[in-house]
Structure formats: structure tokens, C-alpha cells
Amino acid sequence: MKIILTHEVSGLGAAGDVVDVKDGYARNYLIPRKFAIRWTKGGEKDVEQIRRARKIHEIQTIEQANAVKAQLEGVKVRLAVRSGDAGRLFGSVTPADVASAIKAAGGPEVDKRRIELGSPIKTLGAHETSVRLHPEVAAKVNIEVVAA
């Protein structure tokens, strides 16, 4: 099935790319989560609009990405969440929580869709996440999850 990506999907492409994927992957995962739309001749006009919006929001050069990476890796991020007695969280830490904690710690504003959590964060303590700043540059951010 031919689809147009509306968001960046790891291992598949960036917003505005027209890609061919298996029908089930598109129908059951990409389209319901608004990561993609079906490709049509009319939808092809939307591709240019999506690409223009992507260029405005994305970091243009590797030098800019490295500068933001240095800022992110220098920030000490502390995230206070509700937890039980055994150190387990009520729920889990989301990429949106991480993005707001980075901003509150004095770091640069990061899009939550660029934050990759290896596995859901459900315990207190130190955790490491990755932020994709550019296709070739990713920053490692250390987050300390503490009880609120």
C-alpha cells in the first residue's frame, strides 16, 4: 500500500515521504495513529505542504544539531512523578513528560516526537533516553525520575 507519512517514523522515513508498506502495517498502525495518510492523486498535493512545514521545524544543518546536542547533554533533567512505596510509578513517563522536563531544566525546546524511550519508564531512578535531532545526530539525555 502506498502511503504519505505525516510524521517521522524510525526506519521508514520522514514527514512528506511517499513510501510503500504492507497493508496491515498501514491500516492497523500508521493510519490510526495519524503517522500517515493514504496516497491519492489529490493527496500528492499535500506532500509539498508537509515538506515545507517539516523544513520550518527541523534543524537544518549538522552544526546546528551538534550545538543543540551539546546543550541537551549538559542539562541535568529531574522529573518528579507520583509513585508507590516500592518505587514503581503510577503509570509511566511519556515523551511529552520528558520534553517538558527538559524545557523546565533550562534546556532547549524539544519536539516530543523526536524523543525515543527504549522501554517505558516505570520506576524511580536514573534513566537514559535518546533525542533524534537530525538523521545523523542523536543526543543522549540522562533523566532522574524522583518521587513527587
N, C-alpha and C. Protein backbone atom coordinates (compact mmCIF):
# COMPACT_ATOMS: atom_id res chain seq x y z
N MET A 1 0.85 -1.17 0.00
CA MET A 1 0.00 0.00 0.00
C MET A 1 0.90 1.23 0.00
N LYS A 2 0.56 2.19 -0.81
CA LYS A 2 1.30 3.44 -0.89
C LYS A 2 0.69 4.42 0.10
N ILE A 3 1.56 5.03 0.95
CA ILE A 3 1.09 6.00 1.93
C ILE A 3 1.99 7.22 1.93
N ILE A 4 1.48 8.30 2.50
CA ILE A 4 2.25 9.54 2.69
C ILE A 4 2.44 9.71 4.18
N LEU A 5 3.70 9.78 4.62
CA LEU A 5 3.98 9.94 6.04
C LEU A 5 3.69 11.37 6.48
N THR A 6 3.00 11.53 7.60
CA THR A 6 2.73 12.86 8.14
C THR A 6 3.64 13.18 9.31
N HIS A 7 4.30 12.17 9.87
CA HIS A 7 5.27 12.32 10.95
C HIS A 7 6.48 11.46 10.62
N GLU A 8 7.58 11.73 11.27
CA GLU A 8 8.77 10.91 11.09
C GLU A 8 8.56 9.58 11.78
N VAL A 9 8.87 8.49 11.09
CA VAL A 9 8.76 7.14 11.63
C VAL A 9 10.13 6.50 11.52
N SER A 10 10.68 6.04 12.64
CA SER A 10 12.01 5.45 12.65
C SER A 10 12.06 4.24 11.72
N GLY A 11 13.08 4.21 10.88
CA GLY A 11 13.28 3.10 9.98
C GLY A 11 12.41 3.12 8.74
N LEU A 12 11.55 4.13 8.60
CA LEU A 12 10.65 4.17 7.45
C LEU A 12 10.83 5.44 6.63
N GLY A 13 10.86 6.60 7.29
CA GLY A 13 11.04 7.84 6.55
C GLY A 13 10.62 9.04 7.36
N ALA A 14 10.71 10.19 6.72
CA ALA A 14 10.37 11.46 7.36
C ALA A 14 9.03 11.95 6.84
N ALA A 15 8.51 12.98 7.49
CA ALA A 15 7.23 13.55 7.10
C ALA A 15 7.29 14.03 5.66
N GLY A 16 6.27 13.70 4.89
CA GLY A 16 6.22 14.11 3.50
C GLY A 16 6.73 13.06 2.53
N ASP A 17 7.33 11.99 3.03
CA ASP A 17 7.82 10.93 2.16
C ASP A 17 6.66 10.04 1.73
N VAL A 18 6.71 9.59 0.48
CA VAL A 18 5.75 8.63 -0.03
C VAL A 18 6.44 7.27 -0.01
N VAL A 19 5.91 6.34 0.78
CA VAL A 19 6.54 5.03 0.94
C VAL A 19 5.53 3.92 0.67
N ASP A 20 6.06 2.74 0.37
CA ASP A 20 5.24 1.56 0.13
C ASP A 20 5.42 0.62 1.31
N VAL A 21 4.33 0.28 2.01
CA VAL A 21 4.39 -0.61 3.17
C VAL A 21 3.33 -1.69 3.02
N LYS A 22 3.40 -2.69 3.87
CA LYS A 22 2.39 -3.76 3.85
C LYS A 22 1.05 -3.18 4.29
N ASP A 23 -0.01 -3.74 3.74
CA ASP A 23 -1.36 -3.24 4.00
C ASP A 23 -1.70 -3.22 5.48
N GLY A 24 -1.41 -4.30 6.20
CA GLY A 24 -1.76 -4.39 7.61
C GLY A 24 -1.03 -3.37 8.46
N TYR A 25 0.24 -3.13 8.15
CA TYR A 25 1.04 -2.14 8.89
C TYR A 25 0.43 -0.75 8.72
N ALA A 26 0.02 -0.43 7.50
CA ALA A 26 -0.58 0.87 7.25
C ALA A 26 -1.95 0.98 7.91
N ARG A 27 -2.81 -0.02 7.69
CA ARG A 27 -4.19 0.03 8.20
C ARG A 27 -4.28 -0.05 9.71
N ASN A 28 -3.43 -0.87 10.33
CA ASN A 28 -3.56 -1.13 11.76
C ASN A 28 -2.67 -0.27 12.64
N TYR A 29 -1.61 0.31 12.09
CA TYR A 29 -0.68 1.05 12.93
C TYR A 29 -0.49 2.50 12.46
N LEU A 30 -0.03 2.69 11.25
CA LEU A 30 0.34 4.04 10.79
C LEU A 30 -0.85 4.98 10.64
N ILE A 31 -1.88 4.55 9.97
CA ILE A 31 -3.03 5.43 9.71
C ILE A 31 -3.83 5.73 10.98
N PRO A 32 -4.16 4.74 11.84
CA PRO A 32 -4.91 5.08 13.06
C PRO A 32 -4.16 6.01 14.01
N ARG A 33 -2.84 5.94 14.02
CA ARG A 33 -2.05 6.79 14.92
C ARG A 33 -1.68 8.13 14.27
N LYS A 34 -2.22 8.38 13.09
CA LYS A 34 -2.02 9.64 12.35
C LYS A 34 -0.55 9.85 11.96
N PHE A 35 0.20 8.74 11.79
CA PHE A 35 1.57 8.84 11.30
C PHE A 35 1.60 8.92 9.79
N ALA A 36 0.48 8.54 9.15
CA ALA A 36 0.43 8.51 7.70
C ALA A 36 -1.00 8.67 7.21
N ILE A 37 -1.11 9.03 5.93
CA ILE A 37 -2.41 9.07 5.26
C ILE A 37 -2.28 8.25 3.97
N ARG A 38 -3.40 7.80 3.46
CA ARG A 38 -3.38 7.02 2.21
C ARG A 38 -2.92 7.91 1.06
N TRP A 39 -2.19 7.33 0.14
CA TRP A 39 -1.73 8.06 -1.03
C TRP A 39 -2.86 8.14 -2.05
N THR A 40 -3.13 9.35 -2.51
CA THR A 40 -4.08 9.57 -3.60
C THR A 40 -3.48 10.63 -4.50
N LYS A 41 -4.06 10.79 -5.68
CA LYS A 41 -3.56 11.84 -6.57
C LYS A 41 -3.78 13.22 -5.94
N GLY A 42 -4.89 13.39 -5.25
CA GLY A 42 -5.16 14.65 -4.56
C GLY A 42 -4.24 14.83 -3.36
N GLY A 43 -3.90 13.72 -2.70
CA GLY A 43 -3.02 13.76 -1.55
C GLY A 43 -1.60 14.11 -1.92
N GLU A 44 -1.24 13.89 -3.17
CA GLU A 44 0.11 14.21 -3.64
C GLU A 44 0.38 15.72 -3.50
N LYS A 45 -0.68 16.53 -3.58
CA LYS A 45 -0.52 17.98 -3.40
C LYS A 45 -0.15 18.31 -1.95
N ASP A 46 -0.63 17.49 -1.03
CA ASP A 46 -0.34 17.71 0.39
C ASP A 46 1.13 17.45 0.72
N VAL A 47 1.79 16.65 -0.10
CA VAL A 47 3.18 16.29 0.17
C VAL A 47 4.06 17.54 0.24
N GLU A 48 3.89 18.44 -0.70
CA GLU A 48 4.71 19.67 -0.71
C GLU A 48 4.43 20.51 0.53
N GLN A 49 3.19 20.58 0.93
CA GLN A 49 2.82 21.35 2.12
C GLN A 49 3.43 20.72 3.38
N ILE A 50 3.41 19.40 3.47
CA ILE A 50 4.01 18.71 4.61
C ILE A 50 5.52 18.93 4.63
N ARG A 51 6.16 18.87 3.46
CA ARG A 51 7.60 19.07 3.39
C ARG A 51 8.00 20.49 3.78
N ARG A 52 7.20 21.48 3.36
CA ARG A 52 7.50 22.86 3.74
C ARG A 52 7.39 23.04 5.25
N ALA A 53 6.37 22.47 5.85
CA ALA A 53 6.19 22.56 7.31
C ALA A 53 7.34 21.85 8.02
N ARG A 54 7.80 20.73 7.47
CA ARG A 54 8.91 19.99 8.07
C ARG A 54 10.19 20.82 8.04
N LYS A 55 10.44 21.50 6.93
CA LYS A 55 11.66 22.32 6.82
C LYS A 55 11.68 23.45 7.84
N ILE A 56 10.53 24.01 8.14
CA ILE A 56 10.46 25.09 9.12
C ILE A 56 10.82 24.59 10.51
N HIS A 57 10.35 23.38 10.87
CA HIS A 57 10.52 22.86 12.23
C HIS A 57 11.80 22.08 12.44
N GLU A 58 12.41 21.61 11.37
CA GLU A 58 13.56 20.74 11.57
C GLU A 58 14.87 21.52 11.62
N ILE A 59 15.82 20.94 12.28
CA ILE A 59 17.16 21.52 12.37
C ILE A 59 17.81 21.31 11.02
N GLN A 60 18.30 22.39 10.42
CA GLN A 60 18.74 22.35 9.04
C GLN A 60 20.11 21.70 8.83
N THR A 61 21.08 22.02 9.70
CA THR A 61 22.43 21.53 9.44
C THR A 61 22.94 20.67 10.59
N ILE A 62 23.98 19.94 10.30
CA ILE A 62 24.59 19.10 11.33
C ILE A 62 25.22 19.96 12.41
N GLU A 63 25.74 21.12 12.04
CA GLU A 63 26.34 22.03 13.02
C GLU A 63 25.29 22.49 14.04
N GLN A 64 24.11 22.84 13.57
CA GLN A 64 23.03 23.24 14.47
C GLN A 64 22.63 22.08 15.38
N ALA A 65 22.55 20.89 14.79
CA ALA A 65 22.18 19.71 15.57
C ALA A 65 23.23 19.42 16.65
N ASN A 66 24.50 19.57 16.31
CA ASN A 66 25.56 19.34 17.30
C ASN A 66 25.53 20.38 18.41
N ALA A 67 25.16 21.62 18.09
CA ALA A 67 25.05 22.66 19.11
C ALA A 67 23.91 22.33 20.08
N VAL A 68 22.78 21.91 19.55
CA VAL A 68 21.64 21.54 20.39
C VAL A 68 21.98 20.29 21.20
N LYS A 69 22.72 19.36 20.59
CA LYS A 69 23.14 18.14 21.28
C LYS A 69 24.00 18.48 22.50
N ALA A 70 24.92 19.43 22.33
CA ALA A 70 25.78 19.84 23.44
C ALA A 70 24.94 20.45 24.57
N GLN A 71 23.94 21.25 24.21
CA GLN A 71 23.04 21.83 25.22
C GLN A 71 22.28 20.74 25.96
N LEU A 72 21.73 19.80 25.22
CA LEU A 72 20.92 18.73 25.83
C LEU A 72 21.75 17.85 26.76
N GLU A 73 22.95 17.51 26.33
CA GLU A 73 23.77 16.62 27.14
C GLU A 73 24.34 17.32 28.37
N GLY A 74 24.32 18.66 28.37
CA GLY A 74 24.80 19.40 29.53
C GLY A 74 23.73 19.70 30.56
N VAL A 75 22.48 19.43 30.23
CA VAL A 75 21.36 19.73 31.13
C VAL A 75 21.11 18.55 32.07
N LYS A 76 20.92 18.86 33.34
CA LYS A 76 20.56 17.83 34.33
C LYS A 76 19.04 17.86 34.46
N VAL A 77 18.40 16.80 33.99
CA VAL A 77 16.94 16.75 33.95
C VAL A 77 16.44 15.92 35.13
N ARG A 78 15.53 16.54 35.89
CA ARG A 78 14.91 15.89 37.05
C ARG A 78 13.40 15.90 36.83
N LEU A 79 12.78 14.75 36.95
CA LEU A 79 11.36 14.62 36.69
C LEU A 79 10.68 14.04 37.92
N ALA A 80 9.79 14.83 38.54
CA ALA A 80 9.06 14.39 39.73
C ALA A 80 7.73 13.79 39.32
N VAL A 81 7.51 12.53 39.72
CA VAL A 81 6.27 11.83 39.38
C VAL A 81 5.73 11.11 40.61
N ARG A 82 4.45 10.77 40.57
CA ARG A 82 3.84 10.03 41.68
C ARG A 82 4.26 8.57 41.59
N SER A 83 4.57 8.02 42.76
CA SER A 83 5.00 6.63 42.77
C SER A 83 4.52 5.95 44.05
N GLY A 84 4.58 4.63 44.04
CA GLY A 84 4.20 3.84 45.21
C GLY A 84 5.39 3.65 46.13
N ASP A 85 5.19 2.87 47.17
CA ASP A 85 6.23 2.64 48.17
C ASP A 85 7.43 1.88 47.61
N ALA A 86 7.20 0.97 46.70
CA ALA A 86 8.28 0.12 46.17
C ALA A 86 9.08 0.79 45.06
N GLY A 87 8.77 2.04 44.75
CA GLY A 87 9.50 2.74 43.70
C GLY A 87 8.89 2.57 42.32
N ARG A 88 7.74 1.95 42.22
CA ARG A 88 7.04 1.80 40.95
C ARG A 88 6.16 3.03 40.73
N LEU A 89 6.10 3.50 39.49
CA LEU A 89 5.30 4.67 39.16
C LEU A 89 3.85 4.30 38.96
N PHE A 90 2.97 5.28 39.19
CA PHE A 90 1.57 5.14 38.82
C PHE A 90 1.49 5.54 37.35
N GLY A 91 1.51 4.60 36.45
CA GLY A 91 1.57 4.88 35.02
C GLY A 91 3.02 4.81 34.58
N SER A 92 3.38 5.62 33.59
CA SER A 92 4.76 5.64 33.12
C SER A 92 5.11 7.04 32.63
N VAL A 93 6.38 7.27 32.41
CA VAL A 93 6.87 8.55 31.91
C VAL A 93 6.72 8.55 30.40
N THR A 94 6.11 9.58 29.85
CA THR A 94 5.89 9.68 28.41
C THR A 94 6.90 10.62 27.78
N PRO A 95 7.05 10.57 26.46
CA PRO A 95 7.94 11.53 25.80
C PRO A 95 7.53 12.99 26.04
N ALA A 96 6.23 13.26 26.18
CA ALA A 96 5.77 14.62 26.48
C ALA A 96 6.26 15.07 27.85
N ASP A 97 6.27 14.16 28.83
CA ASP A 97 6.79 14.47 30.16
C ASP A 97 8.27 14.81 30.08
N VAL A 98 9.01 14.03 29.30
CA VAL A 98 10.45 14.25 29.15
C VAL A 98 10.71 15.61 28.49
N ALA A 99 9.94 15.93 27.45
CA ALA A 99 10.12 17.21 26.74
C ALA A 99 9.87 18.39 27.68
N SER A 100 8.81 18.32 28.48
CA SER A 100 8.53 19.42 29.41
C SER A 100 9.57 19.51 30.51
N ALA A 101 10.11 18.36 30.96
CA ALA A 101 11.15 18.37 31.99
C ALA A 101 12.45 18.97 31.45
N ILE A 102 12.77 18.71 30.19
CA ILE A 102 13.97 19.29 29.57
C ILE A 102 13.82 20.81 29.50
N LYS A 103 12.65 21.26 29.08
CA LYS A 103 12.39 22.71 28.99
C LYS A 103 12.46 23.35 30.37
N ALA A 104 11.89 22.69 31.40
CA ALA A 104 11.88 23.24 32.75
C ALA A 104 13.29 23.27 33.35
N ALA A 105 14.16 22.37 32.91
CA ALA A 105 15.53 22.32 33.43
C ALA A 105 16.43 23.35 32.75
N GLY A 106 15.88 24.11 31.82
CA GLY A 106 16.67 25.14 31.15
C GLY A 106 17.26 24.69 29.84
N GLY A 107 16.83 23.56 29.34
CA GLY A 107 17.33 23.06 28.06
C GLY A 107 16.53 23.63 26.90
N PRO A 108 16.94 23.30 25.68
CA PRO A 108 16.22 23.78 24.50
C PRO A 108 14.87 23.08 24.36
N GLU A 109 13.97 23.69 23.63
CA GLU A 109 12.66 23.09 23.40
C GLU A 109 12.81 21.94 22.43
N VAL A 110 12.30 20.78 22.82
CA VAL A 110 12.45 19.57 22.02
C VAL A 110 11.06 19.05 21.67
N ASP A 111 10.88 18.63 20.42
CA ASP A 111 9.62 18.06 19.99
C ASP A 111 9.47 16.66 20.60
N LYS A 112 8.33 16.39 21.19
CA LYS A 112 8.13 15.11 21.88
C LYS A 112 8.22 13.92 20.92
N ARG A 113 7.95 14.14 19.64
CA ARG A 113 8.01 13.04 18.67
C ARG A 113 9.45 12.64 18.36
N ARG A 114 10.40 13.46 18.74
CA ARG A 114 11.81 13.14 18.48
C ARG A 114 12.47 12.42 19.66
N ILE A 115 11.73 12.27 20.75
CA ILE A 115 12.28 11.61 21.94
C ILE A 115 11.98 10.11 21.84
N GLU A 116 13.03 9.30 21.98
CA GLU A 116 12.87 7.85 21.90
C GLU A 116 13.17 7.24 23.25
N LEU A 117 12.16 6.66 23.86
CA LEU A 117 12.34 5.92 25.10
C LEU A 117 12.54 4.47 24.71
N GLY A 118 13.65 3.87 25.12
CA GLY A 118 13.92 2.49 24.75
C GLY A 118 12.82 1.56 25.22
N SER A 119 12.46 1.67 26.47
CA SER A 119 11.34 0.92 27.04
C SER A 119 10.61 1.88 27.97
N PRO A 120 9.36 1.60 28.28
CA PRO A 120 8.62 2.52 29.15
C PRO A 120 9.32 2.70 30.50
N ILE A 121 9.38 3.94 30.97
CA ILE A 121 10.00 4.23 32.26
C ILE A 121 8.91 4.10 33.32
N LYS A 122 9.05 3.08 34.18
CA LYS A 122 8.02 2.80 35.19
C LYS A 122 8.59 2.71 36.60
N THR A 123 9.88 3.07 36.76
CA THR A 123 10.50 3.00 38.08
C THR A 123 11.24 4.30 38.37
N LEU A 124 11.48 4.54 39.65
CA LEU A 124 12.28 5.69 40.06
C LEU A 124 13.75 5.41 39.75
N GLY A 125 14.54 6.48 39.64
CA GLY A 125 15.97 6.30 39.42
C GLY A 125 16.45 7.00 38.17
N ALA A 126 17.68 6.69 37.78
CA ALA A 126 18.29 7.31 36.60
C ALA A 126 17.97 6.49 35.35
N HIS A 127 17.58 7.19 34.29
CA HIS A 127 17.25 6.55 33.01
C HIS A 127 17.89 7.37 31.90
N GLU A 128 18.18 6.71 30.78
CA GLU A 128 18.77 7.38 29.63
C GLU A 128 17.80 7.31 28.46
N THR A 129 17.60 8.45 27.79
CA THR A 129 16.76 8.49 26.60
C THR A 129 17.57 9.08 25.45
N SER A 130 17.04 8.90 24.27
CA SER A 130 17.70 9.42 23.08
C SER A 130 16.79 10.44 22.41
N VAL A 131 17.38 11.51 21.89
CA VAL A 131 16.63 12.53 21.17
C VAL A 131 17.22 12.63 19.77
N ARG A 132 16.40 12.35 18.74
CA ARG A 132 16.86 12.44 17.35
C ARG A 132 16.76 13.89 16.91
N LEU A 133 17.87 14.55 16.75
CA LEU A 133 17.88 15.95 16.35
C LEU A 133 17.99 16.11 14.83
N HIS A 134 18.64 15.19 14.21
CA HIS A 134 18.94 15.22 12.78
C HIS A 134 19.09 13.76 12.37
N PRO A 135 18.90 13.41 11.12
CA PRO A 135 19.07 12.00 10.75
C PRO A 135 20.43 11.41 11.13
N GLU A 136 21.44 12.25 11.27
CA GLU A 136 22.77 11.77 11.60
C GLU A 136 23.20 12.08 13.03
N VAL A 137 22.39 12.85 13.78
CA VAL A 137 22.78 13.28 15.12
C VAL A 137 21.68 12.92 16.12
N ALA A 138 22.09 12.21 17.18
CA ALA A 138 21.17 11.89 18.28
C ALA A 138 21.86 12.23 19.59
N ALA A 139 21.11 12.84 20.50
CA ALA A 139 21.66 13.22 21.81
C ALA A 139 21.16 12.26 22.86
N LYS A 140 22.04 11.91 23.79
CA LYS A 140 21.67 11.08 24.93
C LYS A 140 21.37 12.00 26.10
N VAL A 141 20.19 11.86 26.68
CA VAL A 141 19.78 12.68 27.80
C VAL A 141 19.56 11.79 29.01
N ASN A 142 20.20 12.13 30.11
CA ASN A 142 20.03 11.39 31.36
C ASN A 142 18.93 12.05 32.17
N ILE A 143 17.97 11.23 32.59
CA ILE A 143 16.82 11.73 33.35
C ILE A 143 16.80 11.05 34.69
N GLU A 144 16.64 11.85 35.73
CA GLU A 144 16.50 11.29 37.07
C GLU A 144 15.03 11.40 37.45
N VAL A 145 14.40 10.25 37.64
CA VAL A 145 12.98 10.20 38.00
C VAL A 145 12.91 10.09 39.52
N VAL A 146 12.26 11.07 40.16
CA VAL A 146 12.15 11.12 41.61
C VAL A 146 10.68 11.13 42.02
N ALA A 147 10.43 10.75 43.26
CA ALA A 147 9.05 10.73 43.78
C ALA A 147 8.59 12.14 44.07
N ALA A 148 7.35 12.42 43.73
CA ALA A 148 6.79 13.76 43.99
C ALA A 148 6.18 13.83 45.35
